Amino acid sequence: MNNKEFIAELAHRSGKTVKDTGQLVTAVVDVFAAKLQEGNQLVFGNFGAFEVKKKLERISVNPLTQQRMLVPPKLVVNFKPSAALKEKFK
């Protein structure tokens, strides 16, 4: 499912227009991104939690040339599903 299909499904289920639903989804994603950039954890009951983790720098080896490279540290968003969500997929 892509973004356009997701917005269309939400609009259909909520009875709102596709335009209004698209604006709402954009606003929600913007708030998520802003809160995660601030270092906050986002927790949604019966769904899961989003948090930003820092991956440490590491050394990687090119398998063809055996050249070693230093991969710099970076921030990644991690999702941990709730027990209720995991239960739905058993």
PDB file of N, CA and C in Angstrom:
ATOM      1  N   MET A   1       0.851  -1.173   0.000  1.00  0.00           N
ATOM      2  CA  MET A   1       0.000   0.000   0.000  1.00  0.00           C
ATOM      3  C   MET A   1       0.895   1.233   0.000  1.00  0.00           C
ATOM      4  N   ASN A   2       0.667   2.127  -0.914  1.00  0.00           N
ATOM      5  CA  ASN A   2       1.457   3.354  -0.953  1.00  0.00           C
ATOM      6  C   ASN A   2       0.691   4.485  -0.252  1.00  0.00           C
ATOM      7  N   ASN A   3       1.304   5.659  -0.210  1.00  0.00           N
ATOM      8  CA  ASN A   3       0.731   6.804   0.502  1.00  0.00           C
ATOM      9  C   ASN A   3      -0.645   7.187  -0.052  1.00  0.00           C
ATOM     10  N   LYS A   4      -0.761   7.215  -1.380  1.00  0.00           N
ATOM     11  CA  LYS A   4      -2.025   7.611  -2.012  1.00  0.00           C
ATOM     12  C   LYS A   4      -3.146   6.623  -1.672  1.00  0.00           C
ATOM     13  N   GLU A   5      -2.837   5.341  -1.705  1.00  0.00           N
ATOM     14  CA  GLU A   5      -3.832   4.318  -1.367  1.00  0.00           C
ATOM     15  C   GLU A   5      -4.214   4.392   0.111  1.00  0.00           C
ATOM     16  N   PHE A   6      -3.219   4.654   0.960  1.00  0.00           N
ATOM     17  CA  PHE A   6      -3.473   4.776   2.392  1.00  0.00           C
ATOM     18  C   PHE A   6      -4.408   5.941   2.691  1.00  0.00           C
ATOM     19  N   ILE A   7      -4.133   7.084   2.073  1.00  0.00           N
ATOM     20  CA  ILE A   7      -4.977   8.265   2.281  1.00  0.00           C
ATOM     21  C   ILE A   7      -6.383   8.018   1.760  1.00  0.00           C
ATOM     22  N   ALA A   8      -6.513   7.362   0.615  1.00  0.00           N
ATOM     23  CA  ALA A   8      -7.831   7.061   0.058  1.00  0.00           C
ATOM     24  C   ALA A   8      -8.621   6.140   0.994  1.00  0.00           C
ATOM     25  N   GLU A   9      -7.953   5.147   1.565  1.00  0.00           N
ATOM     26  CA  GLU A   9      -8.623   4.221   2.495  1.00  0.00           C
ATOM     27  C   GLU A   9      -9.067   4.955   3.760  1.00  0.00           C
ATOM     28  N   LEU A  10      -8.195   5.798   4.310  1.00  0.00           N
ATOM     29  CA  LEU A  10      -8.574   6.577   5.495  1.00  0.00           C
ATOM     30  C   LEU A  10      -9.745   7.506   5.200  1.00  0.00           C
ATOM     31  N   ALA A  11      -9.715   8.157   4.042  1.00  0.00           N
ATOM     32  CA  ALA A  11     -10.805   9.062   3.664  1.00  0.00           C
ATOM     33  C   ALA A  11     -12.112   8.294   3.555  1.00  0.00           C
ATOM     34  N   HIS A  12     -12.062   7.123   2.956  1.00  0.00           N
ATOM     35  CA  HIS A  12     -13.269   6.306   2.793  1.00  0.00           C
ATOM     36  C   HIS A  12     -13.835   5.890   4.158  1.00  0.00           C
ATOM     37  N   ARG A  13     -12.957   5.437   5.047  1.00  0.00           N
ATOM     38  CA  ARG A  13     -13.404   4.965   6.369  1.00  0.00           C
ATOM     39  C   ARG A  13     -13.891   6.088   7.264  1.00  0.00           C
ATOM     40  N   SER A  14     -13.303   7.276   7.117  1.00  0.00           N
ATOM     41  CA  SER A  14     -13.681   8.381   7.999  1.00  0.00           C
ATOM     42  C   SER A  14     -14.803   9.251   7.441  1.00  0.00           C
ATOM     43  N   GLY A  15     -15.091   9.109   6.139  1.00  0.00           N
ATOM     44  CA  GLY A  15     -16.121   9.937   5.532  1.00  0.00           C
ATOM     45  C   GLY A  15     -15.646  11.339   5.209  1.00  0.00           C
ATOM     46  N   LYS A  16     -14.354  11.574   5.280  1.00  0.00           N
ATOM     47  CA  LYS A  16     -13.774  12.881   4.963  1.00  0.00           C
ATOM     48  C   LYS A  16     -13.317  12.882   3.507  1.00  0.00           C
ATOM     49  N   THR A  17     -12.952  14.059   3.021  1.00  0.00           N
ATOM     50  CA  THR A  17     -12.454  14.146   1.652  1.00  0.00           C
ATOM     51  C   THR A  17     -11.001  13.661   1.600  1.00  0.00           C
ATOM     52  N   VAL A  18     -10.580  13.260   0.415  1.00  0.00           N
ATOM     53  CA  VAL A  18      -9.208  12.809   0.229  1.00  0.00           C
ATOM     54  C   VAL A  18      -8.237  13.961   0.505  1.00  0.00           C
ATOM     55  N   LYS A  19      -8.600  15.167   0.108  1.00  0.00           N
ATOM     56  CA  LYS A  19      -7.742  16.333   0.327  1.00  0.00           C
ATOM     57  C   LYS A  19      -7.545  16.594   1.819  1.00  0.00           C
ATOM     58  N   ASP A  20      -8.645  16.607   2.576  1.00  0.00           N
ATOM     59  CA  ASP A  20      -8.552  16.842   4.023  1.00  0.00           C
ATOM     60  C   ASP A  20      -7.759  15.739   4.707  1.00  0.00           C
ATOM     61  N   THR A  21      -8.000  14.507   4.291  1.00  0.00           N
ATOM     62  CA  THR A  21      -7.294  13.377   4.883  1.00  0.00           C
ATOM     63  C   THR A  21      -5.807  13.448   4.558  1.00  0.00           C
ATOM     64  N   GLY A  22      -5.463  13.842   3.348  1.00  0.00           N
ATOM     65  CA  GLY A  22      -4.065  14.002   2.963  1.00  0.00           C
ATOM     66  C   GLY A  22      -3.365  15.053   3.791  1.00  0.00           C
ATOM     67  N   GLN A  23      -4.053  16.160   4.043  1.00  0.00           N
ATOM     68  CA  GLN A  23      -3.480  17.216   4.878  1.00  0.00           C
ATOM     69  C   GLN A  23      -3.281  16.727   6.308  1.00  0.00           C
ATOM     70  N   LEU A  24      -4.225  15.945   6.810  1.00  0.00           N
ATOM     71  CA  LEU A  24      -4.108  15.406   8.160  1.00  0.00           C
ATOM     72  C   LEU A  24      -2.930  14.442   8.259  1.00  0.00           C
ATOM     73  N   VAL A  25      -2.790  13.552   7.296  1.00  0.00           N
ATOM     74  CA  VAL A  25      -1.684  12.599   7.313  1.00  0.00           C
ATOM     75  C   VAL A  25      -0.354  13.345   7.246  1.00  0.00           C
ATOM     76  N   THR A  26      -0.260  14.354   6.411  1.00  0.00           N
ATOM     77  CA  THR A  26       0.967  15.148   6.312  1.00  0.00           C
ATOM     78  C   THR A  26       1.280  15.819   7.642  1.00  0.00           C
ATOM     79  N   ALA A  27       0.263  16.357   8.295  1.00  0.00           N
ATOM     80  CA  ALA A  27       0.466  17.007   9.592  1.00  0.00           C
ATOM     81  C   ALA A  27       0.930  16.008  10.645  1.00  0.00           C
ATOM     82  N   VAL A  28       0.338  14.824  10.651  1.00  0.00           N
ATOM     83  CA  VAL A  28       0.726  13.792  11.622  1.00  0.00           C
ATOM     84  C   VAL A  28       2.187  13.386  11.410  1.00  0.00           C
ATOM     85  N   VAL A  29       2.570  13.164  10.170  1.00  0.00           N
ATOM     86  CA  VAL A  29       3.952  12.771   9.878  1.00  0.00           C
ATOM     87  C   VAL A  29       4.918  13.887  10.270  1.00  0.00           C
ATOM     88  N   ASP A  30       4.546  15.127  10.032  1.00  0.00           N
ATOM     89  CA  ASP A  30       5.395  16.260  10.417  1.00  0.00           C
ATOM     90  C   ASP A  30       5.586  16.327  11.936  1.00  0.00           C
ATOM     91  N   VAL A  31       4.517  16.095  12.689  1.00  0.00           N
ATOM     92  CA  VAL A  31       4.610  16.101  14.156  1.00  0.00           C
ATOM     93  C   VAL A  31       5.482  14.933  14.622  1.00  0.00           C
ATOM     94  N   PHE A  32       5.292  13.741  14.033  1.00  0.00           N
ATOM     95  CA  PHE A  32       6.130  12.587  14.381  1.00  0.00           C
ATOM     96  C   PHE A  32       7.597  12.926  14.176  1.00  0.00           C
ATOM     97  N   ALA A  33       7.919  13.459  13.005  1.00  0.00           N
ATOM     98  CA  ALA A  33       9.312  13.766  12.673  1.00  0.00           C
ATOM     99  C   ALA A  33       9.885  14.799  13.638  1.00  0.00           C
ATOM    100  N   ALA A  34       9.119  15.828  13.946  1.00  0.00           N
ATOM    101  CA  ALA A  34       9.599  16.874  14.856  1.00  0.00           C
ATOM    102  C   ALA A  34       9.863  16.310  16.248  1.00  0.00           C
ATOM    103  N   LYS A  35       8.963  15.498  16.750  1.00  0.00           N
ATOM    104  CA  LYS A  35       9.126  14.936  18.101  1.00  0.00           C
ATOM    105  C   LYS A  35      10.294  13.956  18.151  1.00  0.00           C
ATOM    106  N   LEU A  36      10.471  13.155  17.091  1.00  0.00           N
ATOM    107  CA  LEU A  36      11.595  12.221  17.059  1.00  0.00           C
ATOM    108  C   LEU A  36      12.918  12.966  16.953  1.00  0.00           C
ATOM    109  N   GLN A  37      12.947  14.072  16.211  1.00  0.00           N
ATOM    110  CA  GLN A  37      14.166  14.872  16.104  1.00  0.00           C
ATOM    111  C   GLN A  37      14.539  15.504  17.436  1.00  0.00           C
ATOM    112  N   GLU A  38      13.546  15.779  18.258  1.00  0.00           N
ATOM    113  CA  GLU A  38      13.802  16.327  19.595  1.00  0.00           C
ATOM    114  C   GLU A  38      14.305  15.258  20.554  1.00  0.00           C
ATOM    115  N   GLY A  39      14.264  13.999  20.131  1.00  0.00           N
ATOM    116  CA  GLY A  39      14.727  12.903  20.976  1.00  0.00           C
ATOM    117  C   GLY A  39      13.625  12.243  21.782  1.00  0.00           C
ATOM    118  N   ASN A  40      12.383  12.609  21.520  1.00  0.00           N
ATOM    119  CA  ASN A  40      11.267  12.020  22.248  1.00  0.00           C
ATOM    120  C   ASN A  40      10.929  10.633  21.715  1.00  0.00           C
ATOM    121  N   GLN A  41      10.334   9.839  22.562  1.00  0.00           N
ATOM    122  CA  GLN A  41       9.821   8.529  22.164  1.00  0.00           C
ATOM    123  C   GLN A  41       8.315   8.678  21.958  1.00  0.00           C
ATOM    124  N   LEU A  42       7.797   8.088  20.878  1.00  0.00           N
ATOM    125  CA  LEU A  42       6.363   8.131  20.612  1.00  0.00           C
ATOM    126  C   LEU A  42       5.774   6.758  20.927  1.00  0.00           C
ATOM    127  N   VAL A  43       4.831   6.713  21.869  1.00  0.00           N
ATOM    128  CA  VAL A  43       4.235   5.447  22.287  1.00  0.00           C
ATOM    129  C   VAL A  43       2.742   5.491  22.012  1.00  0.00           C
ATOM    130  N   PHE A  44       2.268   4.485  21.296  1.00  0.00           N
ATOM    131  CA  PHE A  44       0.852   4.369  20.965  1.00  0.00           C
ATOM    132  C   PHE A  44       0.347   3.047  21.524  1.00  0.00           C
ATOM    133  N   GLY A  45      -0.608   3.124  22.471  1.00  0.00           N
ATOM    134  CA  GLY A  45      -1.153   1.926  23.071  1.00  0.00           C
ATOM    135  C   GLY A  45      -1.737   1.006  22.022  1.00  0.00           C
ATOM    136  N   ASN A  46      -1.562  -0.275  22.203  1.00  0.00           N
ATOM    137  CA  ASN A  46      -2.039  -1.330  21.302  1.00  0.00           C
ATOM    138  C   ASN A  46      -1.429  -1.249  19.909  1.00  0.00           C
ATOM    139  N   PHE A  47      -0.402  -0.415  19.712  1.00  0.00           N
ATOM    140  CA  PHE A  47       0.278  -0.364  18.422  1.00  0.00           C
ATOM    141  C   PHE A  47       1.775  -0.557  18.607  1.00  0.00           C
ATOM    142  N   GLY A  48       2.425   0.349  19.335  1.00  0.00           N
ATOM    143  CA  GLY A  48       3.853   0.203  19.551  1.00  0.00           C
ATOM    144  C   GLY A  48       4.524   1.514  19.865  1.00  0.00           C
ATOM    145  N   ALA A  49       5.853   1.504  19.806  1.00  0.00           N
ATOM    146  CA  ALA A  49       6.633   2.678  20.171  1.00  0.00           C
ATOM    147  C   ALA A  49       7.697   2.956  19.108  1.00  0.00           C
ATOM    148  N   PHE A  50       7.874   4.237  18.818  1.00  0.00           N
ATOM    149  CA  PHE A  50       8.921   4.701  17.917  1.00  0.00           C
ATOM    150  C   PHE A  50       9.946   5.445  18.757  1.00  0.00           C
ATOM    151  N   GLU A  51      11.226   5.198  18.494  1.00  0.00           N
ATOM    152  CA  GLU A  51      12.267   5.942  19.178  1.00  0.00           C
ATOM    153  C   GLU A  51      13.481   6.065  18.264  1.00  0.00           C
ATOM    154  N   VAL A  52      14.287   7.074  18.536  1.00  0.00           N
ATOM    155  CA  VAL A  52      15.508   7.297  17.767  1.00  0.00           C
ATOM    156  C   VAL A  52      16.665   6.671  18.536  1.00  0.00           C
ATOM    157  N   LYS A  53      17.450   5.863  17.822  1.00  0.00           N
ATOM    158  CA  LYS A  53      18.634   5.256  18.420  1.00  0.00           C
ATOM    159  C   LYS A  53      19.852   5.672  17.617  1.00  0.00           C
ATOM    160  N   LYS A  54      20.973   5.736  18.296  1.00  0.00           N
ATOM    161  CA  LYS A  54      22.213   6.097  17.626  1.00  0.00           C
ATOM    162  C   LYS A  54      22.992   4.832  17.314  1.00  0.00           C
ATOM    163  N   LYS A  55      23.289   4.631  16.036  1.00  0.00           N
ATOM    164  CA  LYS A  55      24.151   3.518  15.637  1.00  0.00           C
ATOM    165  C   LYS A  55      25.590   4.012  15.745  1.00  0.00           C
ATOM    166  N   LEU A  56      26.410   3.256  16.408  1.00  0.00           N
ATOM    167  CA  LEU A  56      27.796   3.643  16.603  1.00  0.00           C
ATOM    168  C   LEU A  56      28.583   3.515  15.312  1.00  0.00           C
ATOM    169  N   GLU A  57      29.717   4.220  15.255  1.00  0.00           N
ATOM    170  CA  GLU A  57      30.561   4.074  14.085  1.00  0.00           C
ATOM    171  C   GLU A  57      31.127   2.657  14.067  1.00  0.00           C
ATOM    172  N   ARG A  58      31.424   2.174  12.867  1.00  0.00           N
ATOM    173  CA  ARG A  58      31.926   0.810  12.739  1.00  0.00           C
ATOM    174  C   ARG A  58      32.854   0.737  11.538  1.00  0.00           C
ATOM    175  N   ILE A  59      33.587  -0.344  11.488  1.00  0.00           N
ATOM    176  CA  ILE A  59      34.479  -0.575  10.365  1.00  0.00           C
ATOM    177  C   ILE A  59      33.822  -1.602   9.455  1.00  0.00           C
ATOM    178  N   SER A  60      33.757  -1.275   8.177  1.00  0.00           N
ATOM    179  CA  SER A  60      33.185  -2.150   7.172  1.00  0.00           C
ATOM    180  C   SER A  60      34.290  -2.537   6.196  1.00  0.00           C
ATOM    181  N   VAL A  61      34.179  -3.743   5.633  1.00  0.00           N
ATOM    182  CA  VAL A  61      35.179  -4.220   4.690  1.00  0.00           C
ATOM    183  C   VAL A  61      34.512  -4.477   3.351  1.00  0.00           C
ATOM    184  N   ASN A  62      35.074  -3.887   2.286  1.00  0.00           N
ATOM    185  CA  ASN A  62      34.600  -4.133   0.930  1.00  0.00           C
ATOM    186  C   ASN A  62      35.010  -5.557   0.558  1.00  0.00           C
ATOM    187  N   PRO A  63      34.044  -6.447   0.254  1.00  0.00           N
ATOM    188  CA  PRO A  63      34.398  -7.844  -0.016  1.00  0.00           C
ATOM    189  C   PRO A  63      35.217  -8.051  -1.295  1.00  0.00           C
ATOM    190  N   LEU A  64      35.134  -7.137  -2.224  1.00  0.00           N
ATOM    191  CA  LEU A  64      35.889  -7.288  -3.473  1.00  0.00           C
ATOM    192  C   LEU A  64      37.346  -6.854  -3.319  1.00  0.00           C
ATOM    193  N   THR A  65      37.555  -5.701  -2.672  1.00  0.00           N
ATOM    194  CA  THR A  65      38.912  -5.152  -2.578  1.00  0.00           C
ATOM    195  C   THR A  65      39.549  -5.376  -1.212  1.00  0.00           C
ATOM    196  N   GLN A  66      38.795  -5.856  -0.258  1.00  0.00           N
ATOM    197  CA  GLN A  66      39.236  -6.036   1.134  1.00  0.00           C
ATOM    198  C   GLN A  66      39.656  -4.714   1.785  1.00  0.00           C
ATOM    199  N   GLN A  67      39.216  -3.602   1.203  1.00  0.00           N
ATOM    200  CA  GLN A  67      39.536  -2.296   1.763  1.00  0.00           C
ATOM    201  C   GLN A  67      38.635  -2.033   2.962  1.00  0.00           C
ATOM    202  N   ARG A  68      39.234  -1.571   4.042  1.00  0.00           N
ATOM    203  CA  ARG A  68      38.484  -1.260   5.253  1.00  0.00           C
ATOM    204  C   ARG A  68      38.025   0.191   5.197  1.00  0.00           C
ATOM    205  N   MET A  69      36.770   0.423   5.611  1.00  0.00           N
ATOM    206  CA  MET A  69      36.205   1.779   5.607  1.00  0.00           C
ATOM    207  C   MET A  69      35.555   2.047   6.946  1.00  0.00           C
ATOM    208  N   LEU A  70      35.654   3.271   7.397  1.00  0.00           N
ATOM    209  CA  LEU A  70      34.996   3.673   8.631  1.00  0.00           C
ATOM    210  C   LEU A  70      33.623   4.220   8.283  1.00  0.00           C
ATOM    211  N   VAL A  71      32.583   3.584   8.827  1.00  0.00           N
ATOM    212  CA  VAL A  71      31.209   4.037   8.622  1.00  0.00           C
ATOM    213  C   VAL A  71      30.860   4.941   9.789  1.00  0.00           C
ATOM    214  N   PRO A  72      30.502   6.203   9.535  1.00  0.00           N
ATOM    215  CA  PRO A  72      30.257   7.142  10.637  1.00  0.00           C
ATOM    216  C   PRO A  72      28.982   6.788  11.419  1.00  0.00           C
ATOM    217  N   PRO A  73      28.878   7.305  12.656  1.00  0.00           N
ATOM    218  CA  PRO A  73      27.658   7.056  13.428  1.00  0.00           C
ATOM    219  C   PRO A  73      26.469   7.768  12.784  1.00  0.00           C
ATOM    220  N   LYS A  74      25.273   7.205  13.011  1.00  0.00           N
ATOM    221  CA  LYS A  74      24.071   7.854  12.479  1.00  0.00           C
ATOM    222  C   LYS A  74      22.887   7.543  13.370  1.00  0.00           C
ATOM    223  N   LEU A  75      21.849   8.367  13.237  1.00  0.00           N
ATOM    224  CA  LEU A  75      20.617   8.178  13.989  1.00  0.00           C
ATOM    225  C   LEU A  75      19.618   7.420  13.125  1.00  0.00           C
ATOM    226  N   VAL A  76      18.947   6.434  13.726  1.00  0.00           N
ATOM    227  CA  VAL A  76      17.947   5.651  13.011  1.00  0.00           C
ATOM    228  C   VAL A  76      16.675   5.578  13.856  1.00  0.00           C
ATOM    229  N   VAL A  77      15.533   5.508  13.195  1.00  0.00           N
ATOM    230  CA  VAL A  77      14.253   5.369  13.893  1.00  0.00           C
ATOM    231  C   VAL A  77      13.971   3.891  14.067  1.00  0.00           C
ATOM    232  N   ASN A  78      13.649   3.513  15.282  1.00  0.00           N
ATOM    233  CA  ASN A  78      13.376   2.123  15.610  1.00  0.00           C
ATOM    234  C   ASN A  78      11.908   1.996  16.027  1.00  0.00           C
ATOM    235  N   PHE A  79      11.249   0.918  15.582  1.00  0.00           N
ATOM    236  CA  PHE A  79       9.866   0.656  15.963  1.00  0.00           C
ATOM    237  C   PHE A  79       9.808  -0.653  16.732  1.00  0.00           C
ATOM    238  N   LYS A  80       9.145  -0.615  17.885  1.00  0.00           N
ATOM    239  CA  LYS A  80       8.944  -1.819  18.687  1.00  0.00           C
ATOM    240  C   LYS A  80       7.433  -2.026  18.816  1.00  0.00           C
ATOM    241  N   PRO A  81       6.898  -3.088  18.193  1.00  0.00           N
ATOM    242  CA  PRO A  81       5.452  -3.305  18.262  1.00  0.00           C
ATOM    243  C   PRO A  81       5.006  -3.694  19.670  1.00  0.00           C
ATOM    244  N   SER A  82       3.762  -3.348  19.986  1.00  0.00           N
ATOM    245  CA  SER A  82       3.205  -3.700  21.289  1.00  0.00           C
ATOM    246  C   SER A  82       2.834  -5.177  21.305  1.00  0.00           C
ATOM    247  N   ALA A  83       2.593  -5.696  22.488  1.00  0.00           N
ATOM    248  CA  ALA A  83       2.189  -7.093  22.625  1.00  0.00           C
ATOM    249  C   ALA A  83       0.858  -7.339  21.924  1.00  0.00           C
ATOM    250  N   ALA A  84      -0.051  -6.359  21.981  1.00  0.00           N
ATOM    251  CA  ALA A  84      -1.360  -6.513  21.330  1.00  0.00           C
ATOM    252  C   ALA A  84      -1.212  -6.606  19.817  1.00  0.00           C
ATOM    253  N   LEU A  85      -0.317  -5.829  19.238  1.00  0.00           N
ATOM    254  CA  LEU A  85      -0.096  -5.883  17.796  1.00  0.00           C
ATOM    255  C   LEU A  85       0.583  -7.201  17.401  1.00  0.00           C
ATOM    256  N   LYS A  86       1.545  -7.648  18.190  1.00  0.00           N
ATOM    257  CA  LYS A  86       2.210  -8.922  17.912  1.00  0.00           C
ATOM    258  C   LYS A  86       1.198 -10.065  17.940  1.00  0.00           C
ATOM    259  N   GLU A  87       0.268  -9.983  18.867  1.00  0.00           N
ATOM    260  CA  GLU A  87      -0.738 -11.042  19.019  1.00  0.00           C
ATOM    261  C   GLU A  87      -1.591 -11.193  17.771  1.00  0.00           C
ATOM    262  N   LYS A  88      -1.863 -10.112  17.068  1.00  0.00           N
ATOM    263  CA  LYS A  88      -2.693 -10.156  15.860  1.00  0.00           C
ATOM    264  C   LYS A  88      -2.037 -10.901  14.719  1.00  0.00           C
ATOM    265  N   PHE A  89      -0.726 -11.104  14.781  1.00  0.00           N
ATOM    266  CA  PHE A  89      -0.002 -11.742  13.696  1.00  0.00           C
ATOM    267  C   PHE A  89       0.495 -13.142  14.036  1.00  0.00           C
ATOM    268  N   LYS A  90      -0.075 -13.732  15.040  1.00  0.00           N
ATOM    269  CA  LYS A  90       0.282 -15.115  15.397  1.00  0.00           C
ATOM    270  C   LYS A  90      -0.510 -16.092  14.582  1.00  0.00           C
TER     271      LYS A  90
END
